[in-house]
Amino acid sequence: MPPWCREGGEPPETWTGPSDEWEFLKREARRFWSARACYDFVEKVADKGFYPDELVDGQLHRGALIAASSGKVHRRAPAALPDLMPQARTILEFIGSQRVPVSPIIVANVKPSRKPICDP
């Protein structure tokens, strides 16, 4: 938030209106800056791939990188993932044979014939 927007202080020399109008405008500006901070936080989590704690701490999780061109966070898939896929398929088949409901997201991410719904 810019210094002129903070509480207190006199209006700038260029302000020609009453000081109470200046205070009202500063209050509205502070509300805007608060809403903008919320928007930026949500956008970075929803569109850029940040985890909330990364934004709060100011430090990415280990192995995460920010693409210079898009500002999006890229994370490497765990190296053990391909080794676990056959076991995951076997477990899903067993659960299916027991007639236990399985989340469609989990099924889509394990079955090789479909594109994953949640692609990291």
PDB file of N, CA and C in Angstrom:
ATOM      1  N   MET A   1       0.850  -1.166   0.000  1.00  0.00           N
ATOM      2  CA  MET A   1       0.000   0.000   0.000  1.00  0.00           C
ATOM      3  C   MET A   1       0.901   1.237   0.000  1.00  0.00           C
ATOM      4  N   PRO A   2       0.602   2.180  -0.858  1.00  0.00           N
ATOM      5  CA  PRO A   2       1.440   3.376  -0.927  1.00  0.00           C
ATOM      6  C   PRO A   2       1.333   4.214   0.355  1.00  0.00           C
ATOM      7  N   PRO A   3       2.371   4.970   0.695  1.00  0.00           N
ATOM      8  CA  PRO A   3       2.375   5.741   1.939  1.00  0.00           C
ATOM      9  C   PRO A   3       1.225   6.761   2.029  1.00  0.00           C
ATOM     10  N   TRP A   4       0.839   7.362   0.927  1.00  0.00           N
ATOM     11  CA  TRP A   4      -0.213   8.369   0.969  1.00  0.00           C
ATOM     12  C   TRP A   4      -1.570   7.779   1.322  1.00  0.00           C
ATOM     13  N   CYS A   5      -1.688   6.451   1.218  1.00  0.00           N
ATOM     14  CA  CYS A   5      -2.964   5.781   1.459  1.00  0.00           C
ATOM     15  C   CYS A   5      -3.152   5.406   2.932  1.00  0.00           C
ATOM     16  N   ARG A   6      -2.090   5.443   3.698  1.00  0.00           N
ATOM     17  CA  ARG A   6      -2.164   5.035   5.106  1.00  0.00           C
ATOM     18  C   ARG A   6      -2.943   6.048   5.937  1.00  0.00           C
ATOM     19  N   GLU A   7      -3.416   5.581   7.092  1.00  0.00           N
ATOM     20  CA  GLU A   7      -4.198   6.459   7.977  1.00  0.00           C
ATOM     21  C   GLU A   7      -3.334   7.575   8.528  1.00  0.00           C
ATOM     22  N   GLY A   8      -3.988   8.704   8.796  1.00  0.00           N
ATOM     23  CA  GLY A   8      -3.288   9.856   9.364  1.00  0.00           C
ATOM     24  C   GLY A   8      -2.602  10.681   8.300  1.00  0.00           C
ATOM     25  N   GLY A   9      -2.004  11.743   8.715  1.00  0.00           N
ATOM     26  CA  GLY A   9      -1.286  12.607   7.789  1.00  0.00           C
ATOM     27  C   GLY A   9      -2.211  13.612   7.126  1.00  0.00           C
ATOM     28  N   GLU A  10      -1.620  14.651   6.639  1.00  0.00           N
ATOM     29  CA  GLU A  10      -2.345  15.726   5.974  1.00  0.00           C
ATOM     30  C   GLU A  10      -2.531  15.417   4.498  1.00  0.00           C
ATOM     31  N   PRO A  11      -3.556  15.999   3.877  1.00  0.00           N
ATOM     32  CA  PRO A  11      -3.698  15.847   2.427  1.00  0.00           C
ATOM     33  C   PRO A  11      -2.498  16.472   1.722  1.00  0.00           C
ATOM     34  N   PRO A  12      -2.190  16.015   0.520  1.00  0.00           N
ATOM     35  CA  PRO A  12      -1.062  16.605  -0.205  1.00  0.00           C
ATOM     36  C   PRO A  12      -1.375  18.054  -0.602  1.00  0.00           C
ATOM     37  N   GLU A  13      -0.343  18.768  -0.913  1.00  0.00           N
ATOM     38  CA  GLU A  13      -0.499  20.176  -1.288  1.00  0.00           C
ATOM     39  C   GLU A  13      -1.391  20.348  -2.508  1.00  0.00           C
ATOM     40  N   THR A  14      -1.435  19.345  -3.359  1.00  0.00           N
ATOM     41  CA  THR A  14      -2.223  19.444  -4.590  1.00  0.00           C
ATOM     42  C   THR A  14      -3.712  19.198  -4.365  1.00  0.00           C
ATOM     43  N   TRP A  15      -4.106  18.721  -3.172  1.00  0.00           N
ATOM     44  CA  TRP A  15      -5.522  18.473  -2.879  1.00  0.00           C
ATOM     45  C   TRP A  15      -6.211  19.798  -2.597  1.00  0.00           C
ATOM     46  N   THR A  16      -7.272  20.060  -3.347  1.00  0.00           N
ATOM     47  CA  THR A  16      -7.959  21.354  -3.218  1.00  0.00           C
ATOM     48  C   THR A  16      -9.269  21.262  -2.444  1.00  0.00           C
ATOM     49  N   GLY A  17      -9.726  20.036  -2.150  1.00  0.00           N
ATOM     50  CA  GLY A  17     -10.987  19.855  -1.441  1.00  0.00           C
ATOM     51  C   GLY A  17     -10.792  19.818   0.065  1.00  0.00           C
ATOM     52  N   PRO A  18     -11.896  19.647   0.805  1.00  0.00           N
ATOM     53  CA  PRO A  18     -11.814  19.554   2.271  1.00  0.00           C
ATOM     54  C   PRO A  18     -11.056  18.294   2.710  1.00  0.00           C
ATOM     55  N   SER A  19     -10.439  18.362   3.888  1.00  0.00           N
ATOM     56  CA  SER A  19      -9.635  17.233   4.374  1.00  0.00           C
ATOM     57  C   SER A  19     -10.497  16.006   4.672  1.00  0.00           C
ATOM     58  N   ASP A  20     -11.773  16.194   5.075  1.00  0.00           N
ATOM     59  CA  ASP A  20     -12.621  15.022   5.343  1.00  0.00           C
ATOM     60  C   ASP A  20     -12.929  14.250   4.050  1.00  0.00           C
ATOM     61  N   GLU A  21     -13.013  14.947   2.927  1.00  0.00           N
ATOM     62  CA  GLU A  21     -13.186  14.256   1.641  1.00  0.00           C
ATOM     63  C   GLU A  21     -11.939  13.459   1.296  1.00  0.00           C
ATOM     64  N   TRP A  22     -10.770  14.024   1.590  1.00  0.00           N
ATOM     65  CA  TRP A  22      -9.509  13.311   1.350  1.00  0.00           C
ATOM     66  C   TRP A  22      -9.461  12.041   2.201  1.00  0.00           C
ATOM     67  N   GLU A  23      -9.883  12.122   3.444  1.00  0.00           N
ATOM     68  CA  GLU A  23      -9.894  10.957   4.335  1.00  0.00           C
ATOM     69  C   GLU A  23     -10.848   9.891   3.809  1.00  0.00           C
ATOM     70  N   PHE A  24     -12.009  10.332   3.304  1.00  0.00           N
ATOM     71  CA  PHE A  24     -12.958   9.380   2.726  1.00  0.00           C
ATOM     72  C   PHE A  24     -12.317   8.656   1.530  1.00  0.00           C
ATOM     73  N   LEU A  25     -11.684   9.397   0.663  1.00  0.00           N
ATOM     74  CA  LEU A  25     -11.039   8.797  -0.509  1.00  0.00           C
ATOM     75  C   LEU A  25      -9.930   7.831  -0.093  1.00  0.00           C
ATOM     76  N   LYS A  26      -9.171   8.187   0.941  1.00  0.00           N
ATOM     77  CA  LYS A  26      -8.117   7.286   1.423  1.00  0.00           C
ATOM     78  C   LYS A  26      -8.719   6.002   1.992  1.00  0.00           C
ATOM     79  N   ARG A  27      -9.846   6.119   2.713  1.00  0.00           N
ATOM     80  CA  ARG A  27     -10.505   4.911   3.243  1.00  0.00           C
ATOM     81  C   ARG A  27     -10.931   3.996   2.095  1.00  0.00           C
ATOM     82  N   GLU A  28     -11.503   4.588   1.051  1.00  0.00           N
ATOM     83  CA  GLU A  28     -11.910   3.796  -0.109  1.00  0.00           C
ATOM     84  C   GLU A  28     -10.692   3.168  -0.795  1.00  0.00           C
ATOM     85  N   ALA A  29      -9.619   3.912  -0.871  1.00  0.00           N
ATOM     86  CA  ALA A  29      -8.397   3.381  -1.475  1.00  0.00           C
ATOM     87  C   ALA A  29      -7.852   2.213  -0.652  1.00  0.00           C
ATOM     88  N   ARG A  30      -7.922   2.316   0.683  1.00  0.00           N
ATOM     89  CA  ARG A  30      -7.459   1.213   1.539  1.00  0.00           C
ATOM     90  C   ARG A  30      -8.326  -0.029   1.324  1.00  0.00           C
ATOM     91  N   ARG A  31      -9.639   0.163   1.168  1.00  0.00           N
ATOM     92  CA  ARG A  31     -10.528  -0.972   0.883  1.00  0.00           C
ATOM     93  C   ARG A  31     -10.140  -1.621  -0.447  1.00  0.00           C
ATOM     94  N   PHE A  32      -9.822  -0.801  -1.440  1.00  0.00           N
ATOM     95  CA  PHE A  32      -9.390  -1.323  -2.740  1.00  0.00           C
ATOM     96  C   PHE A  32      -8.110  -2.139  -2.585  1.00  0.00           C
ATOM     97  N   TRP A  33      -7.123  -1.598  -1.856  1.00  0.00           N
ATOM     98  CA  TRP A  33      -5.853  -2.302  -1.698  1.00  0.00           C
ATOM     99  C   TRP A  33      -6.046  -3.616  -0.957  1.00  0.00           C
ATOM    100  N   SER A  34      -6.953  -3.637   0.007  1.00  0.00           N
ATOM    101  CA  SER A  34      -7.240  -4.883   0.728  1.00  0.00           C
ATOM    102  C   SER A  34      -7.871  -5.907  -0.206  1.00  0.00           C
ATOM    103  N   ALA A  35      -8.852  -5.463  -1.004  1.00  0.00           N
ATOM    104  CA  ALA A  35      -9.494  -6.373  -1.966  1.00  0.00           C
ATOM    105  C   ALA A  35      -8.492  -6.853  -3.012  1.00  0.00           C
ATOM    106  N   ARG A  36      -7.611  -5.966  -3.437  1.00  0.00           N
ATOM    107  CA  ARG A  36      -6.613  -6.348  -4.442  1.00  0.00           C
ATOM    108  C   ARG A  36      -5.643  -7.393  -3.882  1.00  0.00           C
ATOM    109  N   ALA A  37      -5.254  -7.228  -2.621  1.00  0.00           N
ATOM    110  CA  ALA A  37      -4.364  -8.209  -1.997  1.00  0.00           C
ATOM    111  C   ALA A  37      -5.046  -9.578  -1.934  1.00  0.00           C
ATOM    112  N   CYS A  38      -6.338  -9.591  -1.603  1.00  0.00           N
ATOM    113  CA  CYS A  38      -7.090 -10.851  -1.581  1.00  0.00           C
ATOM    114  C   CYS A  38      -7.165 -11.451  -2.981  1.00  0.00           C
ATOM    115  N   TYR A  39      -7.445 -10.619  -3.961  1.00  0.00           N
ATOM    116  CA  TYR A  39      -7.529 -11.085  -5.353  1.00  0.00           C
ATOM    117  C   TYR A  39      -6.198 -11.683  -5.805  1.00  0.00           C
ATOM    118  N   ASP A  40      -5.107 -10.975  -5.537  1.00  0.00           N
ATOM    119  CA  ASP A  40      -3.783 -11.455  -5.951  1.00  0.00           C
ATOM    120  C   ASP A  40      -3.461 -12.802  -5.309  1.00  0.00           C
ATOM    121  N   PHE A  41      -3.822 -12.959  -4.025  1.00  0.00           N
ATOM    122  CA  PHE A  41      -3.573 -14.199  -3.309  1.00  0.00           C
ATOM    123  C   PHE A  41      -4.344 -15.347  -3.961  1.00  0.00           C
ATOM    124  N   VAL A  42      -5.638 -15.120  -4.192  1.00  0.00           N
ATOM    125  CA  VAL A  42      -6.480 -16.158  -4.786  1.00  0.00           C
ATOM    126  C   VAL A  42      -6.021 -16.487  -6.204  1.00  0.00           C
ATOM    127  N   GLU A  43      -5.660 -15.474  -6.982  1.00  0.00           N
ATOM    128  CA  GLU A  43      -5.201 -15.708  -8.354  1.00  0.00           C
ATOM    129  C   GLU A  43      -3.937 -16.560  -8.366  1.00  0.00           C
ATOM    130  N   LYS A  44      -3.023 -16.281  -7.456  1.00  0.00           N
ATOM    131  CA  LYS A  44      -1.769 -17.039  -7.444  1.00  0.00           C
ATOM    132  C   LYS A  44      -2.002 -18.495  -7.052  1.00  0.00           C
ATOM    133  N   VAL A  45      -2.973 -18.736  -6.172  1.00  0.00           N
ATOM    134  CA  VAL A  45      -3.278 -20.120  -5.802  1.00  0.00           C
ATOM    135  C   VAL A  45      -4.036 -20.807  -6.936  1.00  0.00           C
ATOM    136  N   ALA A  46      -5.060 -20.135  -7.484  1.00  0.00           N
ATOM    137  CA  ALA A  46      -5.933 -20.764  -8.480  1.00  0.00           C
ATOM    138  C   ALA A  46      -5.300 -20.860  -9.867  1.00  0.00           C
ATOM    139  N   ASP A  47      -4.633 -19.808 -10.320  1.00  0.00           N
ATOM    140  CA  ASP A  47      -4.137 -19.783 -11.698  1.00  0.00           C
ATOM    141  C   ASP A  47      -2.642 -20.017 -11.844  1.00  0.00           C
ATOM    142  N   LYS A  48      -1.887 -19.708 -10.826  1.00  0.00           N
ATOM    143  CA  LYS A  48      -0.430 -19.789 -10.958  1.00  0.00           C
ATOM    144  C   LYS A  48       0.168 -21.027 -10.304  1.00  0.00           C
ATOM    145  N   GLY A  49      -0.621 -21.775  -9.527  1.00  0.00           N
ATOM    146  CA  GLY A  49      -0.131 -23.033  -8.971  1.00  0.00           C
ATOM    147  C   GLY A  49       0.626 -22.935  -7.664  1.00  0.00           C
ATOM    148  N   PHE A  50       0.515 -21.813  -6.963  1.00  0.00           N
ATOM    149  CA  PHE A  50       1.170 -21.681  -5.663  1.00  0.00           C
ATOM    150  C   PHE A  50       0.352 -22.407  -4.595  1.00  0.00           C
ATOM    151  N   TYR A  51       1.038 -22.888  -3.564  1.00  0.00           N
ATOM    152  CA  TYR A  51       0.363 -23.347  -2.363  1.00  0.00           C
ATOM    153  C   TYR A  51       0.256 -22.135  -1.434  1.00  0.00           C
ATOM    154  N   PRO A  52      -0.846 -22.037  -0.666  1.00  0.00           N
ATOM    155  CA  PRO A  52      -1.009 -20.860   0.207  1.00  0.00           C
ATOM    156  C   PRO A  52       0.174 -20.612   1.136  1.00  0.00           C
ATOM    157  N   ASP A  53       0.733 -21.675   1.711  1.00  0.00           N
ATOM    158  CA  ASP A  53       1.848 -21.471   2.643  1.00  0.00           C
ATOM    159  C   ASP A  53       3.089 -20.932   1.937  1.00  0.00           C
ATOM    160  N   GLU A  54       3.228 -21.198   0.640  1.00  0.00           N
ATOM    161  CA  GLU A  54       4.358 -20.642  -0.109  1.00  0.00           C
ATOM    162  C   GLU A  54       4.216 -19.125  -0.218  1.00  0.00           C
ATOM    163  N   LEU A  55       2.993 -18.651  -0.392  1.00  0.00           N
ATOM    164  CA  LEU A  55       2.769 -17.204  -0.493  1.00  0.00           C
ATOM    165  C   LEU A  55       2.959 -16.531   0.864  1.00  0.00           C
ATOM    166  N   VAL A  56       2.508 -17.196   1.913  1.00  0.00           N
ATOM    167  CA  VAL A  56       2.644 -16.623   3.261  1.00  0.00           C
ATOM    168  C   VAL A  56       4.111 -16.574   3.676  1.00  0.00           C
ATOM    169  N   ASP A  57       4.828 -17.686   3.456  1.00  0.00           N
ATOM    170  CA  ASP A  57       6.238 -17.773   3.867  1.00  0.00           C
ATOM    171  C   ASP A  57       7.177 -17.068   2.890  1.00  0.00           C
ATOM    172  N   GLY A  58       6.732 -16.908   1.650  1.00  0.00           N
ATOM    173  CA  GLY A  58       7.596 -16.308   0.637  1.00  0.00           C
ATOM    174  C   GLY A  58       8.647 -17.248   0.103  1.00  0.00           C
ATOM    175  N   GLN A  59       8.437 -18.567   0.305  1.00  0.00           N
ATOM    176  CA  GLN A  59       9.418 -19.546  -0.147  1.00  0.00           C
ATOM    177  C   GLN A  59       8.691 -20.738  -0.772  1.00  0.00           C
ATOM    178  N   LEU A  60       9.110 -21.117  -1.963  1.00  0.00           N
ATOM    179  CA  LEU A  60       8.505 -22.263  -2.644  1.00  0.00           C
ATOM    180  C   LEU A  60       8.920 -23.563  -1.971  1.00  0.00           C
ATOM    181  N   HIS A  61       8.078 -24.578  -2.129  1.00  0.00           N
ATOM    182  CA  HIS A  61       8.447 -25.905  -1.640  1.00  0.00           C
ATOM    183  C   HIS A  61       9.653 -26.404  -2.431  1.00  0.00           C
ATOM    184  N   ARG A  62      10.372 -27.334  -1.855  1.00  0.00           N
ATOM    185  CA  ARG A  62      11.571 -27.859  -2.486  1.00  0.00           C
ATOM    186  C   ARG A  62      11.245 -28.452  -3.853  1.00  0.00           C
ATOM    187  N   GLY A  63      12.036 -28.088  -4.838  1.00  0.00           N
ATOM    188  CA  GLY A  63      11.868 -28.609  -6.188  1.00  0.00           C
ATOM    189  C   GLY A  63      10.937 -27.804  -7.072  1.00  0.00           C
ATOM    190  N   ALA A  64      10.225 -26.832  -6.514  1.00  0.00           N
ATOM    191  CA  ALA A  64       9.310 -26.022  -7.310  1.00  0.00           C
ATOM    192  C   ALA A  64      10.069 -24.868  -7.959  1.00  0.00           C
ATOM    193  N   LEU A  65       9.668 -24.530  -9.178  1.00  0.00           N
ATOM    194  CA  LEU A  65      10.288 -23.438  -9.924  1.00  0.00           C
ATOM    195  C   LEU A  65       9.199 -22.554 -10.509  1.00  0.00           C
ATOM    196  N   ILE A  66       9.493 -21.279 -10.663  1.00  0.00           N
ATOM    197  CA  ILE A  66       8.560 -20.352 -11.295  1.00  0.00           C
ATOM    198  C   ILE A  66       9.024 -20.107 -12.721  1.00  0.00           C
ATOM    199  N   ALA A  67       8.115 -20.306 -13.669  1.00  0.00           N
ATOM    200  CA  ALA A  67       8.436 -20.046 -15.078  1.00  0.00           C
ATOM    201  C   ALA A  67       8.495 -18.538 -15.294  1.00  0.00           C
ATOM    202  N   ALA A  68       9.581 -18.068 -15.871  1.00  0.00           N
ATOM    203  CA  ALA A  68       9.766 -16.630 -16.083  1.00  0.00           C
ATOM    204  C   ALA A  68       8.727 -16.057 -17.032  1.00  0.00           C
ATOM    205  N   SER A  69       8.324 -16.819 -18.024  1.00  0.00           N
ATOM    206  CA  SER A  69       7.400 -16.295 -19.028  1.00  0.00           C
ATOM    207  C   SER A  69       5.970 -16.177 -18.517  1.00  0.00           C
ATOM    208  N   SER A  70       5.507 -17.133 -17.709  1.00  0.00           N
ATOM    209  CA  SER A  70       4.108 -17.145 -17.283  1.00  0.00           C
ATOM    210  C   SER A  70       3.905 -16.815 -15.808  1.00  0.00           C
ATOM    211  N   GLY A  71       4.954 -16.946 -15.019  1.00  0.00           N
ATOM    212  CA  GLY A  71       4.823 -16.734 -13.579  1.00  0.00           C
ATOM    213  C   GLY A  71       4.180 -17.909 -12.867  1.00  0.00           C
ATOM    214  N   LYS A  72       3.974 -19.022 -13.592  1.00  0.00           N
ATOM    215  CA  LYS A  72       3.353 -20.196 -12.987  1.00  0.00           C
ATOM    216  C   LYS A  72       4.404 -21.064 -12.306  1.00  0.00           C
ATOM    217  N   VAL A  73       3.953 -21.741 -11.252  1.00  0.00           N
ATOM    218  CA  VAL A  73       4.833 -22.647 -10.522  1.00  0.00           C
ATOM    219  C   VAL A  73       4.808 -24.002 -11.206  1.00  0.00           C
ATOM    220  N   HIS A  74       5.986 -24.553 -11.439  1.00  0.00           N
ATOM    221  CA  HIS A  74       6.108 -25.890 -12.021  1.00  0.00           C
ATOM    222  C   HIS A  74       6.757 -26.794 -10.981  1.00  0.00           C
ATOM    223  N   ARG A  75       6.166 -27.963 -10.847  1.00  0.00           N
ATOM    224  CA  ARG A  75       6.676 -28.935  -9.878  1.00  0.00           C
ATOM    225  C   ARG A  75       6.973 -30.230 -10.614  1.00  0.00           C
ATOM    226  N   ARG A  76       8.068 -30.846 -10.283  1.00  0.00           N
ATOM    227  CA  ARG A  76       8.414 -32.128 -10.897  1.00  0.00           C
ATOM    228  C   ARG A  76       7.558 -33.219 -10.279  1.00  0.00           C
ATOM    229  N   ALA A  77       7.144 -34.148 -11.103  1.00  0.00           N
ATOM    230  CA  ALA A  77       6.409 -35.308 -10.597  1.00  0.00           C
ATOM    231  C   ALA A  77       7.385 -36.194  -9.828  1.00  0.00           C
ATOM    232  N   PRO A  78       6.929 -36.831  -8.780  1.00  0.00           N
ATOM    233  CA  PRO A  78       7.823 -37.725  -8.040  1.00  0.00           C
ATOM    234  C   PRO A  78       8.377 -38.822  -8.944  1.00  0.00           C
ATOM    235  N   ALA A  79       9.628 -39.149  -8.769  1.00  0.00           N
ATOM    236  CA  ALA A  79      10.287 -40.151  -9.610  1.00  0.00           C
ATOM    237  C   ALA A  79       9.698 -41.538  -9.406  1.00  0.00           C
ATOM    238  N   ALA A  80       9.125 -41.802  -8.248  1.00  0.00           N
ATOM    239  CA  ALA A  80       8.588 -43.138  -7.956  1.00  0.00           C
ATOM    240  C   ALA A  80       7.210 -43.357  -8.556  1.00  0.00           C
ATOM    241  N   LEU A  81       6.595 -42.331  -9.101  1.00  0.00           N
ATOM    242  CA  LEU A  81       5.230 -42.439  -9.604  1.00  0.00           C
ATOM    243  C   LEU A  81       5.052 -43.545 -10.643  1.00  0.00           C
ATOM    244  N   PRO A  82       5.882 -43.646 -11.691  1.00  0.00           N
ATOM    245  CA  PRO A  82       5.670 -44.730 -12.670  1.00  0.00           C
ATOM    246  C   PRO A  82       5.761 -46.119 -12.043  1.00  0.00           C
ATOM    247  N   ASP A  83       6.588 -46.286 -11.037  1.00  0.00           N
ATOM    248  CA  ASP A  83       6.722 -47.585 -10.377  1.00  0.00           C
ATOM    249  C   ASP A  83       5.467 -47.948  -9.591  1.00  0.00           C
ATOM    250  N   LEU A  84       4.737 -46.947  -9.125  1.00  0.00           N
ATOM    251  CA  LEU A  84       3.561 -47.206  -8.304  1.00  0.00           C
ATOM    252  C   LEU A  84       2.296 -47.449  -9.128  1.00  0.00           C
ATOM    253  N   MET A  85       2.297 -47.063 -10.388  1.00  0.00           N
ATOM    254  CA  MET A  85       1.089 -47.166 -11.204  1.00  0.00           C
ATOM    255  C   MET A  85       0.553 -48.600 -11.312  1.00  0.00           C
ATOM    256  N   PRO A  86       1.378 -49.608 -11.585  1.00  0.00           N
ATOM    257  CA  PRO A  86       0.828 -50.968 -11.662  1.00  0.00           C
ATOM    258  C   PRO A  86       0.201 -51.408 -10.335  1.00  0.00           C
ATOM    259  N   GLN A  87       0.841 -51.053  -9.227  1.00  0.00           N
ATOM    260  CA  GLN A  87       0.289 -51.413  -7.921  1.00  0.00           C
ATOM    261  C   GLN A  87      -1.034 -50.685  -7.683  1.00  0.00           C
ATOM    262  N   ALA A  88      -1.092 -49.432  -8.078  1.00  0.00           N
ATOM    263  CA  ALA A  88      -2.323 -48.660  -7.899  1.00  0.00           C
ATOM    264  C   ALA A  88      -3.449 -49.265  -8.733  1.00  0.00           C
ATOM    265  N   ARG A  89      -3.146 -49.685  -9.967  1.00  0.00           N
ATOM    266  CA  ARG A  89      -4.162 -50.325 -10.806  1.00  0.00           C
ATOM    267  C   ARG A  89      -4.676 -51.605 -10.146  1.00  0.00           C
ATOM    268  N   THR A  90      -3.771 -52.404  -9.612  1.00  0.00           N
ATOM    269  CA  THR A  90      -4.161 -53.652  -8.948  1.00  0.00           C
ATOM    270  C   THR A  90      -5.071 -53.365  -7.759  1.00  0.00           C
ATOM    271  N   ILE A  91      -4.725 -52.372  -6.983  1.00  0.00           N
ATOM    272  CA  ILE A  91      -5.542 -52.007  -5.824  1.00  0.00           C
ATOM    273  C   ILE A  91      -6.919 -51.517  -6.269  1.00  0.00           C
ATOM    274  N   LEU A  92      -6.952 -50.705  -7.322  1.00  0.00           N
ATOM    275  CA  LEU A  92      -8.243 -50.221  -7.827  1.00  0.00           C
ATOM    276  C   LEU A  92      -9.110 -51.374  -8.336  1.00  0.00           C
ATOM    277  N   GLU A  93      -8.501 -52.301  -9.022  1.00  0.00           N
ATOM    278  CA  GLU A  93      -9.262 -53.455  -9.505  1.00  0.00           C
ATOM    279  C   GLU A  93      -9.825 -54.257  -8.342  1.00  0.00           C
ATOM    280  N   PHE A  94      -9.036 -54.419  -7.289  1.00  0.00           N
ATOM    281  CA  PHE A  94      -9.511 -55.138  -6.107  1.00  0.00           C
ATOM    282  C   PHE A  94     -10.668 -54.394  -5.456  1.00  0.00           C
ATOM    283  N   ILE A  95     -10.519 -53.081  -5.296  1.00  0.00           N
ATOM    284  CA  ILE A  95     -11.593 -52.288  -4.686  1.00  0.00           C
ATOM    285  C   ILE A  95     -12.857 -52.373  -5.542  1.00  0.00           C
ATOM    286  N   GLY A  96     -12.683 -52.308  -6.860  1.00  0.00           N
ATOM    287  CA  GLY A  96     -13.833 -52.427  -7.757  1.00  0.00           C
ATOM    288  C   GLY A  96     -14.528 -53.769  -7.631  1.00  0.00           C
ATOM    289  N   SER A  97     -13.749 -54.832  -7.435  1.00  0.00           N
ATOM    290  CA  SER A  97     -14.350 -56.161  -7.298  1.00  0.00           C
ATOM    291  C   SER A  97     -15.129 -56.288  -5.990  1.00  0.00           C
ATOM    292  N   GLN A  98     -14.825 -55.451  -5.022  1.00  0.00           N
ATOM    293  CA  GLN A  98     -15.528 -55.455  -3.735  1.00  0.00           C
ATOM    294  C   GLN A  98     -16.758 -54.551  -3.754  1.00  0.00           C
ATOM    295  N   ARG A  99     -17.002 -53.916  -4.896  1.00  0.00           N
ATOM    296  CA  ARG A  99     -18.136 -53.000  -5.101  1.00  0.00           C
ATOM    297  C   ARG A  99     -18.099 -51.802  -4.157  1.00  0.00           C
ATOM    298  N   VAL A 100     -16.896 -51.304  -3.944  1.00  0.00           N
ATOM    299  CA  VAL A 100     -16.707 -50.101  -3.130  1.00  0.00           C
ATOM    300  C   VAL A 100     -16.621 -48.918  -4.083  1.00  0.00           C
ATOM    301  N   PRO A 101     -17.384 -47.824  -3.847  1.00  0.00           N
ATOM    302  CA  PRO A 101     -17.303 -46.679  -4.755  1.00  0.00           C
ATOM    303  C   PRO A 101     -15.923 -46.017  -4.703  1.00  0.00           C
ATOM    304  N   VAL A 102     -15.411 -45.677  -5.878  1.00  0.00           N
ATOM    305  CA  VAL A 102     -14.101 -45.039  -5.995  1.00  0.00           C
ATOM    306  C   VAL A 102     -14.284 -43.703  -6.700  1.00  0.00           C
ATOM    307  N   SER A 103     -13.589 -42.706  -6.222  1.00  0.00           N
ATOM    308  CA  SER A 103     -13.669 -41.383  -6.833  1.00  0.00           C
ATOM    309  C   SER A 103     -13.278 -41.449  -8.296  1.00  0.00           C
ATOM    310  N   PRO A 104     -14.073 -40.820  -9.199  1.00  0.00           N
ATOM    311  CA  PRO A 104     -13.705 -40.823 -10.628  1.00  0.00           C
ATOM    312  C   PRO A 104     -12.372 -40.136 -10.898  1.00  0.00           C
ATOM    313  N   ILE A 105     -11.982 -39.204 -10.054  1.00  0.00           N
ATOM    314  CA  ILE A 105     -10.696 -38.524 -10.229  1.00  0.00           C
ATOM    315  C   ILE A 105      -9.558 -39.506 -10.011  1.00  0.00           C
ATOM    316  N   ILE A 106      -9.683 -40.328  -8.982  1.00  0.00           N
ATOM    317  CA  ILE A 106      -8.637 -41.321  -8.712  1.00  0.00           C
ATOM    318  C   ILE A 106      -8.556 -42.306  -9.870  1.00  0.00           C
ATOM    319  N   VAL A 107      -9.700 -42.794 -10.321  1.00  0.00           N
ATOM    320  CA  VAL A 107      -9.721 -43.759 -11.416  1.00  0.00           C
ATOM    321  C   VAL A 107      -9.089 -43.160 -12.666  1.00  0.00           C
ATOM    322  N   ALA A 108      -9.445 -41.925 -12.993  1.00  0.00           N
ATOM    323  CA  ALA A 108      -8.919 -41.279 -14.202  1.00  0.00           C
ATOM    324  C   ALA A 108      -7.419 -41.070 -14.123  1.00  0.00           C
ATOM    325  N   ASN A 109      -6.891 -40.845 -12.934  1.00  0.00           N
ATOM    326  CA  ASN A 109      -5.462 -40.610 -12.793  1.00  0.00           C
ATOM    327  C   ASN A 109      -4.651 -41.899 -12.773  1.00  0.00           C
ATOM    328  N   VAL A 110      -5.296 -43.044 -12.599  1.00  0.00           N
ATOM    329  CA  VAL A 110      -4.568 -44.310 -12.544  1.00  0.00           C
ATOM    330  C   VAL A 110      -4.705 -45.094 -13.838  1.00  0.00           C
ATOM    331  N   LYS A 111      -5.870 -45.028 -14.471  1.00  0.00           N
ATOM    332  CA  LYS A 111      -6.063 -45.783 -15.715  1.00  0.00           C
ATOM    333  C   LYS A 111      -5.236 -45.159 -16.828  1.00  0.00           C
ATOM    334  N   PRO A 112      -4.411 -45.932 -17.517  1.00  0.00           N
ATOM    335  CA  PRO A 112      -3.515 -45.373 -18.527  1.00  0.00           C
ATOM    336  C   PRO A 112      -4.233 -44.900 -19.787  1.00  0.00           C
ATOM    337  N   SER A 113      -5.444 -45.379 -20.036  1.00  0.00           N
ATOM    338  CA  SER A 113      -6.123 -45.042 -21.279  1.00  0.00           C
ATOM    339  C   SER A 113      -6.738 -43.643 -21.260  1.00  0.00           C
ATOM    340  N   ARG A 114      -6.852 -43.035 -20.100  1.00  0.00           N
ATOM    341  CA  ARG A 114      -7.474 -41.714 -20.001  1.00  0.00           C
ATOM    342  C   ARG A 114      -6.452 -40.663 -19.591  1.00  0.00           C
ATOM    343  N   LYS A 115      -6.693 -39.445 -20.040  1.00  0.00           N
ATOM    344  CA  LYS A 115      -5.838 -38.337 -19.621  1.00  0.00           C
ATOM    345  C   LYS A 115      -6.195 -37.972 -18.182  1.00  0.00           C
ATOM    346  N   PRO A 116      -5.216 -37.715 -17.323  1.00  0.00           N
ATOM    347  CA  PRO A 116      -5.517 -37.377 -15.935  1.00  0.00           C
ATOM    348  C   PRO A 116      -6.374 -36.133 -15.825  1.00  0.00           C
ATOM    349  N   ILE A 117      -7.294 -36.153 -14.866  1.00  0.00           N
ATOM    350  CA  ILE A 117      -8.137 -34.979 -14.595  1.00  0.00           C
ATOM    351  C   ILE A 117      -7.302 -33.919 -13.888  1.00  0.00           C
ATOM    352  N   CYS A 118      -6.521 -34.334 -12.917  1.00  0.00           N
ATOM    353  CA  CYS A 118      -5.677 -33.410 -12.165  1.00  0.00           C
ATOM    354  C   CYS A 118      -4.252 -33.565 -12.649  1.00  0.00           C
ATOM    355  N   ASP A 119      -3.880 -32.829 -13.650  1.00  0.00           N
ATOM    356  CA  ASP A 119      -2.542 -32.946 -14.239  1.00  0.00           C
ATOM    357  C   ASP A 119      -1.617 -31.955 -13.552  1.00  0.00           C
ATOM    358  N   PRO A 120      -0.601 -32.412 -12.800  1.00  0.00           N
ATOM    359  CA  PRO A 120       0.278 -31.474 -12.076  1.00  0.00           C
ATOM    360  C   PRO A 120       1.131 -30.640 -12.992  1.00  0.00           C
TER     361      PRO A 120
END
